[in-house]
PDB file of N, CA and C in Angstrom:
ATOM      1  N   MET A   1       0.823  -1.169   0.000  1.00  0.00           N
ATOM      2  CA  MET A   1       0.000   0.000   0.000  1.00  0.00           C
ATOM      3  C   MET A   1       0.877   1.246   0.000  1.00  0.00           C
ATOM      4  N   GLY A   2       0.226   2.350  -0.361  1.00  0.00           N
ATOM      5  CA  GLY A   2       0.951   3.606  -0.505  1.00  0.00           C
ATOM      6  C   GLY A   2       1.402   4.187   0.822  1.00  0.00           C
ATOM      7  N   GLY A   3       0.729   3.892   1.894  1.00  0.00           N
ATOM      8  CA  GLY A   3       1.139   4.388   3.206  1.00  0.00           C
ATOM      9  C   GLY A   3       0.822   5.862   3.417  1.00  0.00           C
ATOM     10  N   PHE A   4      -0.401   6.265   3.201  1.00  0.00           N
ATOM     11  CA  PHE A   4      -0.813   7.655   3.412  1.00  0.00           C
ATOM     12  C   PHE A   4      -0.898   7.935   4.908  1.00  0.00           C
ATOM     13  N   ASN A   5      -0.134   8.883   5.375  1.00  0.00           N
ATOM     14  CA  ASN A   5      -0.095   9.235   6.796  1.00  0.00           C
ATOM     15  C   ASN A   5      -0.714  10.611   7.032  1.00  0.00           C
ATOM     16  N   GLY A   6      -1.789  10.900   6.357  1.00  0.00           N
ATOM     17  CA  GLY A   6      -2.433  12.209   6.453  1.00  0.00           C
ATOM     18  C   GLY A   6      -2.700  12.679   7.861  1.00  0.00           C
ATOM     19  N   PRO A   7      -3.421  11.933   8.686  1.00  0.00           N
ATOM     20  CA  PRO A   7      -3.721  12.397  10.036  1.00  0.00           C
ATOM     21  C   PRO A   7      -2.464  12.609  10.886  1.00  0.00           C
ATOM     22  N   VAL A   8      -1.456  11.775  10.721  1.00  0.00           N
ATOM     23  CA  VAL A   8      -0.226  11.911  11.501  1.00  0.00           C
ATOM     24  C   VAL A   8       0.513  13.181  11.092  1.00  0.00           C
ATOM     25  N   LEU A   9       0.638  13.431   9.787  1.00  0.00           N
ATOM     26  CA  LEU A   9       1.319  14.634   9.318  1.00  0.00           C
ATOM     27  C   LEU A   9       0.562  15.882   9.756  1.00  0.00           C
ATOM     28  N   PHE A  10      -0.756  15.841   9.694  1.00  0.00           N
ATOM     29  CA  PHE A  10      -1.572  16.968  10.116  1.00  0.00           C
ATOM     30  C   PHE A  10      -1.350  17.260  11.597  1.00  0.00           C
ATOM     31  N   GLU A  11      -1.296  16.207  12.405  1.00  0.00           N
ATOM     32  CA  GLU A  11      -1.098  16.343  13.842  1.00  0.00           C
ATOM     33  C   GLU A  11       0.248  16.983  14.141  1.00  0.00           C
ATOM     34  N   VAL A  12       1.298  16.567  13.455  1.00  0.00           N
ATOM     35  CA  VAL A  12       2.629  17.131  13.655  1.00  0.00           C
ATOM     36  C   VAL A  12       2.637  18.601  13.261  1.00  0.00           C
ATOM     37  N   HIS A  13       2.002  18.923  12.126  1.00  0.00           N
ATOM     38  CA  HIS A  13       1.959  20.303  11.655  1.00  0.00           C
ATOM     39  C   HIS A  13       1.199  21.191  12.647  1.00  0.00           C
ATOM     40  N   VAL A  14       0.070  20.734  13.141  1.00  0.00           N
ATOM     41  CA  VAL A  14      -0.721  21.505  14.097  1.00  0.00           C
ATOM     42  C   VAL A  14       0.063  21.698  15.393  1.00  0.00           C
ATOM     43  N   THR A  15       0.753  20.676  15.862  1.00  0.00           N
ATOM     44  CA  THR A  15       1.540  20.781  17.084  1.00  0.00           C
ATOM     45  C   THR A  15       2.659  21.800  16.920  1.00  0.00           C
ATOM     46  N   LYS A  16       3.365  21.770  15.795  1.00  0.00           N
ATOM     47  CA  LYS A  16       4.437  22.741  15.549  1.00  0.00           C
ATOM     48  C   LYS A  16       3.863  24.147  15.476  1.00  0.00           C
ATOM     49  N   SER A  17       2.716  24.313  14.837  1.00  0.00           N
ATOM     50  CA  SER A  17       2.083  25.630  14.745  1.00  0.00           C
ATOM     51  C   SER A  17       1.676  26.128  16.127  1.00  0.00           C
ATOM     52  N   ALA A  18       1.124  25.246  16.943  1.00  0.00           N
ATOM     53  CA  ALA A  18       0.699  25.636  18.287  1.00  0.00           C
ATOM     54  C   ALA A  18       1.894  26.075  19.124  1.00  0.00           C
ATOM     55  N   VAL A  19       3.001  25.386  19.012  1.00  0.00           N
ATOM     56  CA  VAL A  19       4.214  25.749  19.754  1.00  0.00           C
ATOM     57  C   VAL A  19       4.723  27.105  19.273  1.00  0.00           C
ATOM     58  N   ALA A  20       4.740  27.308  17.965  1.00  0.00           N
ATOM     59  CA  ALA A  20       5.208  28.576  17.411  1.00  0.00           C
ATOM     60  C   ALA A  20       4.326  29.733  17.874  1.00  0.00           C
ATOM     61  N   ILE A  21       3.027  29.528  17.890  1.00  0.00           N
ATOM     62  CA  ILE A  21       2.103  30.574  18.342  1.00  0.00           C
ATOM     63  C   ILE A  21       2.307  30.864  19.826  1.00  0.00           C
ATOM     64  N   ALA A  22       2.491  29.843  20.616  1.00  0.00           N
ATOM     65  CA  ALA A  22       2.705  30.031  22.055  1.00  0.00           C
ATOM     66  C   ALA A  22       3.987  30.807  22.323  1.00  0.00           C
ATOM     67  N   VAL A  23       5.058  30.476  21.607  1.00  0.00           N
ATOM     68  CA  VAL A  23       6.334  31.176  21.790  1.00  0.00           C
ATOM     69  C   VAL A  23       6.181  32.636  21.385  1.00  0.00           C
ATOM     70  N   LEU A  24       5.513  32.896  20.285  1.00  0.00           N
ATOM     71  CA  LEU A  24       5.291  34.265  19.826  1.00  0.00           C
ATOM     72  C   LEU A  24       4.457  35.052  20.828  1.00  0.00           C
ATOM     73  N   ALA A  25       3.413  34.439  21.353  1.00  0.00           N
ATOM     74  CA  ALA A  25       2.564  35.114  22.337  1.00  0.00           C
ATOM     75  C   ALA A  25       3.352  35.456  23.601  1.00  0.00           C
ATOM     76  N   LEU A  26       4.190  34.562  24.055  1.00  0.00           N
ATOM     77  CA  LEU A  26       5.010  34.836  25.237  1.00  0.00           C
ATOM     78  C   LEU A  26       5.986  35.972  24.975  1.00  0.00           C
ATOM     79  N   ALA A  27       6.609  35.970  23.797  1.00  0.00           N
ATOM     80  CA  ALA A  27       7.566  37.032  23.454  1.00  0.00           C
ATOM     81  C   ALA A  27       6.872  38.387  23.384  1.00  0.00           C
ATOM     82  N   LEU A  28       5.716  38.448  22.756  1.00  0.00           N
ATOM     83  CA  LEU A  28       4.983  39.708  22.656  1.00  0.00           C
ATOM     84  C   LEU A  28       4.469  40.153  24.011  1.00  0.00           C
ATOM     85  N   GLY A  29       4.028  39.221  24.817  1.00  0.00           N
ATOM     86  CA  GLY A  29       3.546  39.556  26.150  1.00  0.00           C
ATOM     87  C   GLY A  29       4.645  40.133  27.021  1.00  0.00           C
ATOM     88  N   ALA A  30       5.824  39.584  26.929  1.00  0.00           N
ATOM     89  CA  ALA A  30       6.949  40.083  27.723  1.00  0.00           C
ATOM     90  C   ALA A  30       7.335  41.482  27.263  1.00  0.00           C
ATOM     91  N   THR A  31       7.283  41.737  25.970  1.00  0.00           N
ATOM     92  CA  THR A  31       7.634  43.048  25.445  1.00  0.00           C
ATOM     93  C   THR A  31       6.628  44.090  25.892  1.00  0.00           C
ATOM     94  N   SER A  32       5.343  43.804  25.767  1.00  0.00           N
ATOM     95  CA  SER A  32       4.344  44.793  26.138  1.00  0.00           C
ATOM     96  C   SER A  32       4.325  45.023  27.651  1.00  0.00           C
ATOM     97  N   ALA A  33       4.645  44.019  28.423  1.00  0.00           N
ATOM     98  CA  ALA A  33       4.684  44.200  29.876  1.00  0.00           C
ATOM     99  C   ALA A  33       5.808  45.151  30.266  1.00  0.00           C
ATOM    100  N   ARG A  34       6.932  45.090  29.575  1.00  0.00           N
ATOM    101  CA  ARG A  34       8.032  45.990  29.868  1.00  0.00           C
ATOM    102  C   ARG A  34       7.727  47.400  29.387  1.00  0.00           C
ATOM    103  N   ALA A  35       7.025  47.525  28.266  1.00  0.00           N
ATOM    104  CA  ALA A  35       6.746  48.828  27.681  1.00  0.00           C
ATOM    105  C   ALA A  35       5.759  49.618  28.536  1.00  0.00           C
ATOM    106  N   GLN A  36       4.864  48.948  29.209  1.00  0.00           N
ATOM    107  CA  GLN A  36       3.883  49.622  30.029  1.00  0.00           C
ATOM    108  C   GLN A  36       4.366  49.650  31.459  1.00  0.00           C
ATOM    109  N   GLY A  37       4.171  50.776  32.092  1.00  0.00           N
ATOM    110  CA  GLY A  37       4.589  50.843  33.477  1.00  0.00           C
ATOM    111  C   GLY A  37       3.562  51.514  34.353  1.00  0.00           C
ATOM    112  N   TYR A  38       3.099  50.787  35.344  1.00  0.00           N
ATOM    113  CA  TYR A  38       2.232  51.372  36.356  1.00  0.00           C
ATOM    114  C   TYR A  38       3.142  51.838  37.481  1.00  0.00           C
ATOM    115  N   ASP A  39       3.594  53.079  37.405  1.00  0.00           N
ATOM    116  CA  ASP A  39       4.490  53.608  38.437  1.00  0.00           C
ATOM    117  C   ASP A  39       3.675  53.833  39.707  1.00  0.00           C
ATOM    118  N   PRO A  40       3.988  53.112  40.785  1.00  0.00           N
ATOM    119  CA  PRO A  40       3.176  53.211  42.002  1.00  0.00           C
ATOM    120  C   PRO A  40       3.302  54.561  42.719  1.00  0.00           C
ATOM    121  N   ARG A  41       4.196  55.440  42.253  1.00  0.00           N
ATOM    122  CA  ARG A  41       4.352  56.754  42.887  1.00  0.00           C
ATOM    123  C   ARG A  41       3.314  57.766  42.425  1.00  0.00           C
ATOM    124  N   TYR A  42       2.620  57.483  41.310  1.00  0.00           N
ATOM    125  CA  TYR A  42       1.671  58.440  40.750  1.00  0.00           C
ATOM    126  C   TYR A  42       0.259  57.853  40.726  1.00  0.00           C
ATOM    127  N   PRO A  43      -0.751  58.637  41.158  1.00  0.00           N
ATOM    128  CA  PRO A  43      -2.109  58.104  41.267  1.00  0.00           C
ATOM    129  C   PRO A  43      -2.903  58.053  39.961  1.00  0.00           C
ATOM    130  N   VAL A  44      -2.434  58.726  38.906  1.00  0.00           N
ATOM    131  CA  VAL A  44      -3.206  58.803  37.671  1.00  0.00           C
ATOM    132  C   VAL A  44      -2.352  58.374  36.479  1.00  0.00           C
ATOM    133  N   CYS A  45      -2.989  57.596  35.582  1.00  0.00           N
ATOM    134  CA  CYS A  45      -2.302  57.087  34.384  1.00  0.00           C
ATOM    135  C   CYS A  45      -3.012  57.589  33.134  1.00  0.00           C
ATOM    136  N   ILE A  46      -2.268  57.654  32.048  1.00  0.00           N
ATOM    137  CA  ILE A  46      -2.849  57.920  30.739  1.00  0.00           C
ATOM    138  C   ILE A  46      -2.678  56.655  29.910  1.00  0.00           C
ATOM    139  N   HIS A  47      -3.765  56.218  29.305  1.00  0.00           N
ATOM    140  CA  HIS A  47      -3.725  55.054  28.421  1.00  0.00           C
ATOM    141  C   HIS A  47      -3.832  55.599  27.000  1.00  0.00           C
ATOM    142  N   VAL A  48      -2.752  55.465  26.234  1.00  0.00           N
ATOM    143  CA  VAL A  48      -2.703  55.968  24.866  1.00  0.00           C
ATOM    144  C   VAL A  48      -3.004  54.809  23.930  1.00  0.00           C
ATOM    145  N   PHE A  49      -3.891  55.059  22.955  1.00  0.00           N
ATOM    146  CA  PHE A  49      -4.305  54.043  21.995  1.00  0.00           C
ATOM    147  C   PHE A  49      -3.755  54.367  20.616  1.00  0.00           C
ATOM    148  N   GLY A  50      -3.693  53.352  19.768  1.00  0.00           N
ATOM    149  CA  GLY A  50      -3.460  53.579  18.356  1.00  0.00           C
ATOM    150  C   GLY A  50      -2.052  53.335  17.882  1.00  0.00           C
ATOM    151  N   GLU A  51      -1.935  53.348  16.559  1.00  0.00           N
ATOM    152  CA  GLU A  51      -0.668  53.044  15.917  1.00  0.00           C
ATOM    153  C   GLU A  51       0.244  54.259  15.823  1.00  0.00           C
ATOM    154  N   LEU A  52      -0.319  55.465  15.782  1.00  0.00           N
ATOM    155  CA  LEU A  52       0.511  56.658  15.614  1.00  0.00           C
ATOM    156  C   LEU A  52       1.467  56.873  16.782  1.00  0.00           C
ATOM    157  N   GLU A  53       0.958  56.769  17.987  1.00  0.00           N
ATOM    158  CA  GLU A  53       1.787  56.988  19.166  1.00  0.00           C
ATOM    159  C   GLU A  53       2.186  55.686  19.849  1.00  0.00           C
ATOM    160  N   GLY A  54       1.571  54.605  19.459  1.00  0.00           N
ATOM    161  CA  GLY A  54       1.857  53.326  20.098  1.00  0.00           C
ATOM    162  C   GLY A  54       0.983  53.127  21.320  1.00  0.00           C
ATOM    163  N   GLU A  55       0.524  51.924  21.501  1.00  0.00           N
ATOM    164  CA  GLU A  55      -0.325  51.584  22.649  1.00  0.00           C
ATOM    165  C   GLU A  55       0.555  51.539  23.887  1.00  0.00           C
ATOM    166  N   ARG A  56       0.189  52.350  24.893  1.00  0.00           N
ATOM    167  CA  ARG A  56       0.987  52.331  26.118  1.00  0.00           C
ATOM    168  C   ARG A  56       0.207  52.885  27.300  1.00  0.00           C
ATOM    169  N   MET A  57       0.745  52.634  28.473  1.00  0.00           N
ATOM    170  CA  MET A  57       0.179  53.117  29.722  1.00  0.00           C
ATOM    171  C   MET A  57       1.305  53.854  30.444  1.00  0.00           C
ATOM    172  N   ASP A  58       1.082  55.135  30.718  1.00  0.00           N
ATOM    173  CA  ASP A  58       2.078  55.925  31.440  1.00  0.00           C
ATOM    174  C   ASP A  58       1.447  56.485  32.700  1.00  0.00           C
ATOM    175  N   CYS A  59       1.993  56.131  33.840  1.00  0.00           N
ATOM    176  CA  CYS A  59       1.497  56.638  35.117  1.00  0.00           C
ATOM    177  C   CYS A  59       2.481  57.686  35.614  1.00  0.00           C
ATOM    178  N   VAL A  60       2.211  58.939  35.237  1.00  0.00           N
ATOM    179  CA  VAL A  60       3.128  60.028  35.571  1.00  0.00           C
ATOM    180  C   VAL A  60       2.382  61.279  36.026  1.00  0.00           C
ATOM    181  N   PHE A  61       1.095  61.151  36.356  1.00  0.00           N
ATOM    182  CA  PHE A  61       0.290  62.314  36.696  1.00  0.00           C
ATOM    183  C   PHE A  61      -0.167  62.273  38.146  1.00  0.00           C
ATOM    184  N   THR A  62      -0.328  63.494  38.715  1.00  0.00           N
ATOM    185  CA  THR A  62      -0.769  63.595  40.105  1.00  0.00           C
ATOM    186  C   THR A  62      -2.257  63.884  40.232  1.00  0.00           C
ATOM    187  N   SER A  63      -2.925  64.204  39.100  1.00  0.00           N
ATOM    188  CA  SER A  63      -4.367  64.462  39.149  1.00  0.00           C
ATOM    189  C   SER A  63      -5.007  64.137  37.803  1.00  0.00           C
ATOM    190  N   ILE A  64      -6.313  63.898  37.830  1.00  0.00           N
ATOM    191  CA  ILE A  64      -7.070  63.642  36.596  1.00  0.00           C
ATOM    192  C   ILE A  64      -7.021  64.878  35.680  1.00  0.00           C
ATOM    193  N   PRO A  65      -7.259  66.116  36.192  1.00  0.00           N
ATOM    194  CA  PRO A  65      -7.191  67.276  35.297  1.00  0.00           C
ATOM    195  C   PRO A  65      -5.825  67.422  34.615  1.00  0.00           C
ATOM    196  N   GLN A  66      -4.755  67.158  35.337  1.00  0.00           N
ATOM    197  CA  GLN A  66      -3.417  67.224  34.745  1.00  0.00           C
ATOM    198  C   GLN A  66      -3.296  66.219  33.602  1.00  0.00           C
ATOM    199  N   CYS A  67      -3.794  65.022  33.796  1.00  0.00           N
ATOM    200  CA  CYS A  67      -3.762  63.996  32.764  1.00  0.00           C
ATOM    201  C   CYS A  67      -4.644  64.375  31.582  1.00  0.00           C
ATOM    202  N   GLN A  68      -5.826  64.952  31.865  1.00  0.00           N
ATOM    203  CA  GLN A  68      -6.752  65.320  30.795  1.00  0.00           C
ATOM    204  C   GLN A  68      -6.160  66.371  29.858  1.00  0.00           C
ATOM    205  N   VAL A  69      -5.342  67.252  30.386  1.00  0.00           N
ATOM    206  CA  VAL A  69      -4.654  68.231  29.538  1.00  0.00           C
ATOM    207  C   VAL A  69      -3.719  67.505  28.577  1.00  0.00           C
ATOM    208  N   ALA A  70      -2.986  66.528  29.081  1.00  0.00           N
ATOM    209  CA  ALA A  70      -2.068  65.760  28.233  1.00  0.00           C
ATOM    210  C   ALA A  70      -2.816  64.887  27.230  1.00  0.00           C
ATOM    211  N   ALA A  71      -4.007  64.421  27.582  1.00  0.00           N
ATOM    212  CA  ALA A  71      -4.780  63.531  26.709  1.00  0.00           C
ATOM    213  C   ALA A  71      -5.587  64.291  25.659  1.00  0.00           C
ATOM    214  N   SER A  72      -5.769  65.578  25.849  1.00  0.00           N
ATOM    215  CA  SER A  72      -6.609  66.381  24.956  1.00  0.00           C
ATOM    216  C   SER A  72      -6.146  66.291  23.504  1.00  0.00           C
ATOM    217  N   GLY A  73      -7.073  65.938  22.617  1.00  0.00           N
ATOM    218  CA  GLY A  73      -6.777  65.853  21.198  1.00  0.00           C
ATOM    219  C   GLY A  73      -6.019  64.613  20.774  1.00  0.00           C
ATOM    220  N   ARG A  74      -5.838  63.695  21.683  1.00  0.00           N
ATOM    221  CA  ARG A  74      -5.104  62.455  21.391  1.00  0.00           C
ATOM    222  C   ARG A  74      -6.012  61.260  21.604  1.00  0.00           C
ATOM    223  N   PRO A  75      -5.682  60.142  20.989  1.00  0.00           N
ATOM    224  CA  PRO A  75      -6.458  58.922  21.269  1.00  0.00           C
ATOM    225  C   PRO A  75      -6.010  58.344  22.610  1.00  0.00           C
ATOM    226  N   ALA A  76      -6.508  58.943  23.690  1.00  0.00           N
ATOM    227  CA  ALA A  76      -6.056  58.558  25.024  1.00  0.00           C
ATOM    228  C   ALA A  76      -7.164  58.767  26.042  1.00  0.00           C
ATOM    229  N   MET A  77      -7.014  58.111  27.180  1.00  0.00           N
ATOM    230  CA  MET A  77      -7.942  58.301  28.293  1.00  0.00           C
ATOM    231  C   MET A  77      -7.171  58.261  29.605  1.00  0.00           C
ATOM    232  N   CYS A  78      -7.701  58.933  30.600  1.00  0.00           N
ATOM    233  CA  CYS A  78      -7.067  58.972  31.918  1.00  0.00           C
ATOM    234  C   CYS A  78      -7.786  58.008  32.844  1.00  0.00           C
ATOM    235  N   LEU A  79      -7.021  57.389  33.734  1.00  0.00           N
ATOM    236  CA  LEU A  79      -7.612  56.468  34.695  1.00  0.00           C
ATOM    237  C   LEU A  79      -6.795  56.426  35.968  1.00  0.00           C
ATOM    238  N   ILE A  80      -7.435  55.952  37.012  1.00  0.00           N
ATOM    239  CA  ILE A  80      -6.775  55.840  38.317  1.00  0.00           C
ATOM    240  C   ILE A  80      -5.802  54.676  38.281  1.00  0.00           C
ATOM    241  N   ASN A  81      -4.606  54.893  38.787  1.00  0.00           N
ATOM    242  CA  ASN A  81      -3.570  53.862  38.837  1.00  0.00           C
ATOM    243  C   ASN A  81      -3.939  52.821  39.893  1.00  0.00           C
ATOM    244  N   PRO A  82      -4.208  51.582  39.476  1.00  0.00           N
ATOM    245  CA  PRO A  82      -4.594  50.555  40.449  1.00  0.00           C
ATOM    246  C   PRO A  82      -3.448  50.133  41.362  1.00  0.00           C
ATOM    247  N   TYR A  83      -2.221  50.515  41.021  1.00  0.00           N
ATOM    248  CA  TYR A  83      -1.062  50.122  41.821  1.00  0.00           C
ATOM    249  C   TYR A  83      -0.480  51.282  42.622  1.00  0.00           C
ATOM    250  N   PHE A  84      -1.200  52.401  42.678  1.00  0.00           N
ATOM    251  CA  PHE A  84      -0.724  53.569  43.413  1.00  0.00           C
ATOM    252  C   PHE A  84      -0.604  53.249  44.899  1.00  0.00           C
ATOM    253  N   THR A  85       0.540  53.593  45.471  1.00  0.00           N
ATOM    254  CA  THR A  85       0.746  53.432  46.907  1.00  0.00           C
ATOM    255  C   THR A  85       1.201  54.781  47.466  1.00  0.00           C
ATOM    256  N   PRO A  86       0.326  55.442  48.206  1.00  0.00           N
ATOM    257  CA  PRO A  86       0.694  56.748  48.763  1.00  0.00           C
ATOM    258  C   PRO A  86       1.910  56.633  49.667  1.00  0.00           C
ATOM    259  N   ALA A  87       2.718  57.674  49.634  1.00  0.00           N
ATOM    260  CA  ALA A  87       3.897  57.690  50.507  1.00  0.00           C
ATOM    261  C   ALA A  87       3.429  57.711  51.957  1.00  0.00           C
ATOM    262  N   SER A  88       4.045  56.908  52.762  1.00  0.00           N
ATOM    263  CA  SER A  88       3.639  56.866  54.168  1.00  0.00           C
ATOM    264  C   SER A  88       4.287  58.018  54.915  1.00  0.00           C
ATOM    265  N   ARG A  89       3.509  58.607  55.799  1.00  0.00           N
ATOM    266  CA  ARG A  89       4.014  59.704  56.628  1.00  0.00           C
ATOM    267  C   ARG A  89       4.611  59.118  57.900  1.00  0.00           C
ATOM    268  N   PRO A  90       5.645  59.755  58.403  1.00  0.00           N
ATOM    269  CA  PRO A  90       6.194  59.255  59.672  1.00  0.00           C
ATOM    270  C   PRO A  90       5.160  59.416  60.787  1.00  0.00           C
ATOM    271  N   ARG A  91       5.051  58.408  61.611  1.00  0.00           N
ATOM    272  CA  ARG A  91       4.090  58.453  62.723  1.00  0.00           C
ATOM    273  C   ARG A  91       4.608  59.365  63.824  1.00  0.00           C
ATOM    274  N   ARG A  92       3.668  60.075  64.412  1.00  0.00           N
ATOM    275  CA  ARG A  92       4.025  60.924  65.564  1.00  0.00           C
ATOM    276  C   ARG A  92       3.642  60.179  66.824  1.00  0.00           C
ATOM    277  N   HIS A  93       4.563  60.114  67.722  1.00  0.00           N
ATOM    278  CA  HIS A  93       4.307  59.425  68.981  1.00  0.00           C
ATOM    279  C   HIS A  93       3.816  60.455  70.006  1.00  0.00           C
ATOM    280  N   PRO A  94       2.978  60.014  70.929  1.00  0.00           N
ATOM    281  CA  PRO A  94       2.500  60.946  71.975  1.00  0.00           C
ATOM    282  C   PRO A  94       3.673  61.572  72.711  1.00  0.00           C
ATOM    283  N   GLY A  95       3.526  62.872  72.965  1.00  0.00           N
ATOM    284  CA  GLY A  95       4.596  63.557  73.686  1.00  0.00           C
ATOM    285  C   GLY A  95       5.584  64.260  72.770  1.00  0.00           C
ATOM    286  N   GLN A  96       5.519  63.986  71.444  1.00  0.00           N
ATOM    287  CA  GLN A  96       6.413  64.673  70.500  1.00  0.00           C
ATOM    288  C   GLN A  96       5.719  65.897  69.941  1.00  0.00           C
ATOM    289  N   SER A  97       6.471  66.938  69.681  1.00  0.00           N
ATOM    290  CA  SER A  97       5.883  68.147  69.106  1.00  0.00           C
ATOM    291  C   SER A  97       6.156  68.220  67.634  1.00  0.00           C
TER     292      SER A  97
END
């Protein structure tokens, strides 16, 4: 007989494609994670959309109005930084002035 191995060849091809897609997804995910930064020092972020400026998240604002000025006329939106951690103030102990 001719020995047609159609299903076996298809399975190998699909497996190689799945591995290639997984590797590509991991590489792209690692790149975009580095490109975006939720800086915990700032409470407000700007999310920029689109191909012209590149999709990114920049947390560099201290207020929504400040961010809105930067976002004006751009494909962007302002949002609260979910990773913001306010600077802790030194505690005052009783008896200290």
